[in-house]
Amino acid sequence: MMIDLPDLEAMHGFGGRIAEQLRVGDVVALSGGLGTGKTTLSRAILQALGHQGEVPSPTFTIIEMYDHLDPPAVHADFYRLEDPSEVEQLGLDDYREGAVLLAEWPDHAGGFAHEAGCLQITLEISGKGRKAIVEGGADWLGRMP
C-alpha cells in the first residue's frame, strides 16, 4: 500500500492512525534515506500515544524508552550499529518486553520483517512531501493504518 504524505500535517495524521492500531509486541520498522522523515513519523506516533514534550532523536543513545505511554514504547535508531549482533549487546529484547518498538534503520539491526507484528514503512521523498510504502505482517491484517 502506498500513502502520499504531502506535508507535515499528513505525516502527523499518518502517525496518529498508526498509534491507534498499535499493540504490545508490534514493531514499526521505518526505512528510507537520510531526511525522509523516519524520526518525524516516530515523533508523530509517540505524540499520538500521549507523549507530551520533546522527543529526542535516539541517533546517539540508540534507544529511548517511553514507559508512561499506553502501550509503552521503545524508540530505537540503529543507524550507528555496524553489525546486527550488536542488538543483543544492547539488550533490545528486554526493552521490547511489554512494549511496541519504533525502529529506525531496522536493516542495521537484522530486520524485523519476519515478525508477524511488523509494520514495514519505507519513506521516500516525493515532490515537496513524502510517500510511504507500507507492508504489514500477518498480525496487521484488518488494522492497517
Protein backbone atom coordinates (compact mmCIF):
# COMPACT_ATOMS: atom_id res chain seq x y z
CA MET A 1 0.00 0.00 0.00
CA MET A 2 1.28 3.48 -0.82
CA ILE A 3 0.32 6.59 1.15
CA ASP A 4 1.01 10.13 -0.02
CA LEU A 5 2.28 12.43 2.72
CA PRO A 6 2.39 15.84 1.03
CA ASP A 7 3.06 17.84 4.21
CA LEU A 8 3.76 17.70 7.93
CA GLU A 9 0.05 17.60 8.75
CA ALA A 10 -0.36 14.45 6.65
CA MET A 11 2.68 12.88 8.37
CA HIS A 12 1.15 13.61 11.79
CA GLY A 13 -2.20 12.18 10.70
CA PHE A 14 -0.50 9.01 9.47
CA GLY A 15 1.36 8.72 12.79
CA GLY A 16 -1.94 9.06 14.62
CA ARG A 17 -3.55 6.29 12.57
CA ILE A 18 -0.60 4.00 13.30
CA ALA A 19 -0.76 4.80 17.03
CA GLU A 20 -4.47 3.89 17.15
CA GLN A 21 -3.66 0.39 15.91
CA LEU A 22 -0.57 -0.43 17.98
CA ARG A 23 -0.50 -3.43 20.28
CA VAL A 24 2.19 -4.65 22.65
CA GLY A 25 4.76 -6.62 20.67
CA ASP A 26 4.31 -4.67 17.43
CA VAL A 27 7.26 -3.27 15.52
CA VAL A 28 7.03 -0.23 13.27
CA ALA A 29 10.12 -0.66 11.08
CA LEU A 30 10.99 2.68 9.46
CA SER A 31 13.30 2.64 6.45
CA GLY A 32 14.38 5.29 3.98
CA GLY A 33 17.32 7.53 3.27
CA LEU A 34 18.57 10.36 5.44
CA GLY A 35 15.99 13.12 5.74
CA THR A 36 12.98 11.12 4.55
CA GLY A 37 11.05 11.56 7.80
CA LYS A 38 11.67 8.47 9.93
CA THR A 39 12.18 10.46 13.14
CA THR A 40 9.34 12.84 12.26
CA LEU A 41 6.95 9.89 11.89
CA SER A 42 8.24 8.32 15.11
CA ARG A 43 7.59 11.60 16.93
CA ALA A 44 4.07 11.77 15.49
CA ILE A 45 3.34 8.23 16.70
CA LEU A 46 4.70 8.93 20.19
CA GLN A 47 2.72 12.17 20.45
CA ALA A 48 -0.44 10.37 19.31
CA LEU A 49 0.16 7.79 22.05
CA GLY A 50 0.10 10.66 24.56
CA HIS A 51 3.70 11.78 24.96
CA GLN A 52 3.96 15.47 25.68
CA GLY A 53 7.14 17.41 25.26
CA GLU A 54 10.27 16.84 23.27
CA VAL A 55 11.08 13.56 21.52
CA PRO A 56 14.85 13.43 21.07
CA SER A 57 16.28 11.50 18.16
CA PRO A 58 17.90 8.33 19.52
CA THR A 59 20.73 8.55 16.98
CA PHE A 60 23.38 8.70 19.71
CA THR A 61 21.60 6.98 22.62
CA ILE A 62 20.29 4.30 20.21
CA ILE A 63 17.30 3.52 22.47
CA GLU A 64 14.80 5.83 24.17
CA MET A 65 12.08 4.45 26.45
CA TYR A 66 8.55 5.78 26.85
CA ASP A 67 7.19 3.65 29.71
CA HIS A 68 4.43 6.13 30.56
CA LEU A 69 2.54 5.55 27.31
CA ASP A 70 -0.23 3.05 26.63
CA PRO A 71 1.15 0.87 25.19
CA PRO A 72 4.69 1.60 26.39
CA ALA A 73 7.05 2.35 23.51
CA VAL A 74 10.70 1.91 22.66
CA HIS A 75 12.13 4.28 20.04
CA ALA A 76 15.36 2.96 18.56
CA ASP A 77 17.67 4.27 15.86
CA PHE A 78 20.01 1.53 14.67
CA TYR A 79 21.89 3.71 12.17
CA ARG A 80 25.16 3.58 14.12
CA LEU A 81 25.23 -0.21 14.51
CA GLU A 82 27.99 -1.80 12.47
CA ASP A 83 26.72 -5.36 12.83
CA PRO A 84 23.27 -6.78 13.69
CA SER A 85 24.80 -8.82 16.52
CA GLU A 86 25.20 -5.55 18.45
CA VAL A 87 21.44 -5.63 19.11
CA GLU A 88 21.99 -8.44 21.62
CA GLN A 89 24.58 -6.37 23.47
CA LEU A 90 22.06 -3.55 23.76
CA GLY A 91 19.54 -5.87 25.43
CA LEU A 92 16.81 -4.95 22.94
CA ASP A 93 14.65 -7.96 23.85
CA ASP A 94 14.47 -6.74 27.46
CA TYR A 95 13.43 -3.25 26.34
CA ARG A 96 10.79 -4.67 23.98
CA GLU A 97 9.04 -6.81 26.58
CA GLY A 98 5.57 -5.35 27.14
CA ALA A 99 6.13 -2.53 24.65
CA VAL A 100 5.94 -1.55 20.99
CA LEU A 101 9.13 -0.87 19.05
CA LEU A 102 9.60 2.06 16.69
CA ALA A 103 12.73 1.02 14.79
CA GLU A 104 14.60 3.42 12.53
CA TRP A 105 17.15 1.80 10.19
CA PRO A 106 15.83 -1.73 11.01
CA ASP A 107 18.16 -3.35 8.48
CA HIS A 108 21.14 -2.34 10.66
CA ALA A 109 19.62 -4.50 13.42
CA GLY A 110 19.00 -7.50 11.18
CA GLY A 111 15.42 -6.52 10.29
CA PHE A 112 12.05 -7.38 11.77
CA ALA A 113 10.05 -8.34 8.67
CA HIS A 114 9.95 -11.97 9.82
CA GLU A 115 7.79 -10.95 12.82
CA ALA A 116 4.02 -11.17 12.37
CA GLY A 117 3.61 -7.88 14.25
CA CYS A 118 5.94 -5.90 11.99
CA LEU A 119 4.61 -2.93 10.07
CA GLN A 120 7.26 -2.06 7.50
CA ILE A 121 7.24 1.52 6.28
CA THR A 122 9.65 2.82 3.67
CA LEU A 123 9.64 6.60 3.38
CA GLU A 124 10.69 8.35 0.18
CA ILE A 125 10.86 11.97 -0.88
CA SER A 126 8.07 12.76 -3.33
CA GLY A 127 7.98 16.29 -4.70
CA LYS A 128 7.85 18.63 -1.70
CA GLY A 129 6.47 15.89 0.56
CA ARG A 130 6.94 12.20 1.19
CA LYS A 131 5.33 8.92 0.30
CA ALA A 132 5.13 5.86 2.50
CA ILE A 133 5.26 2.33 1.17
CA VAL A 134 3.57 0.23 3.82
CA GLU A 135 3.54 -3.53 4.28
CA GLY A 136 2.11 -5.26 7.32
CA GLY A 137 2.88 -8.65 8.77
CA ALA A 138 0.14 -11.21 9.43
CA ASP A 139 -0.88 -9.54 12.72
CA TRP A 140 -1.63 -6.31 10.85
CA LEU A 141 -4.37 -7.82 8.69
CA GLY A 142 -7.54 -5.84 9.31
CA ARG A 143 -5.81 -2.98 11.12
CA MET A 144 -3.62 -1.32 8.51
CA PRO A 145 -3.35 2.43 9.16
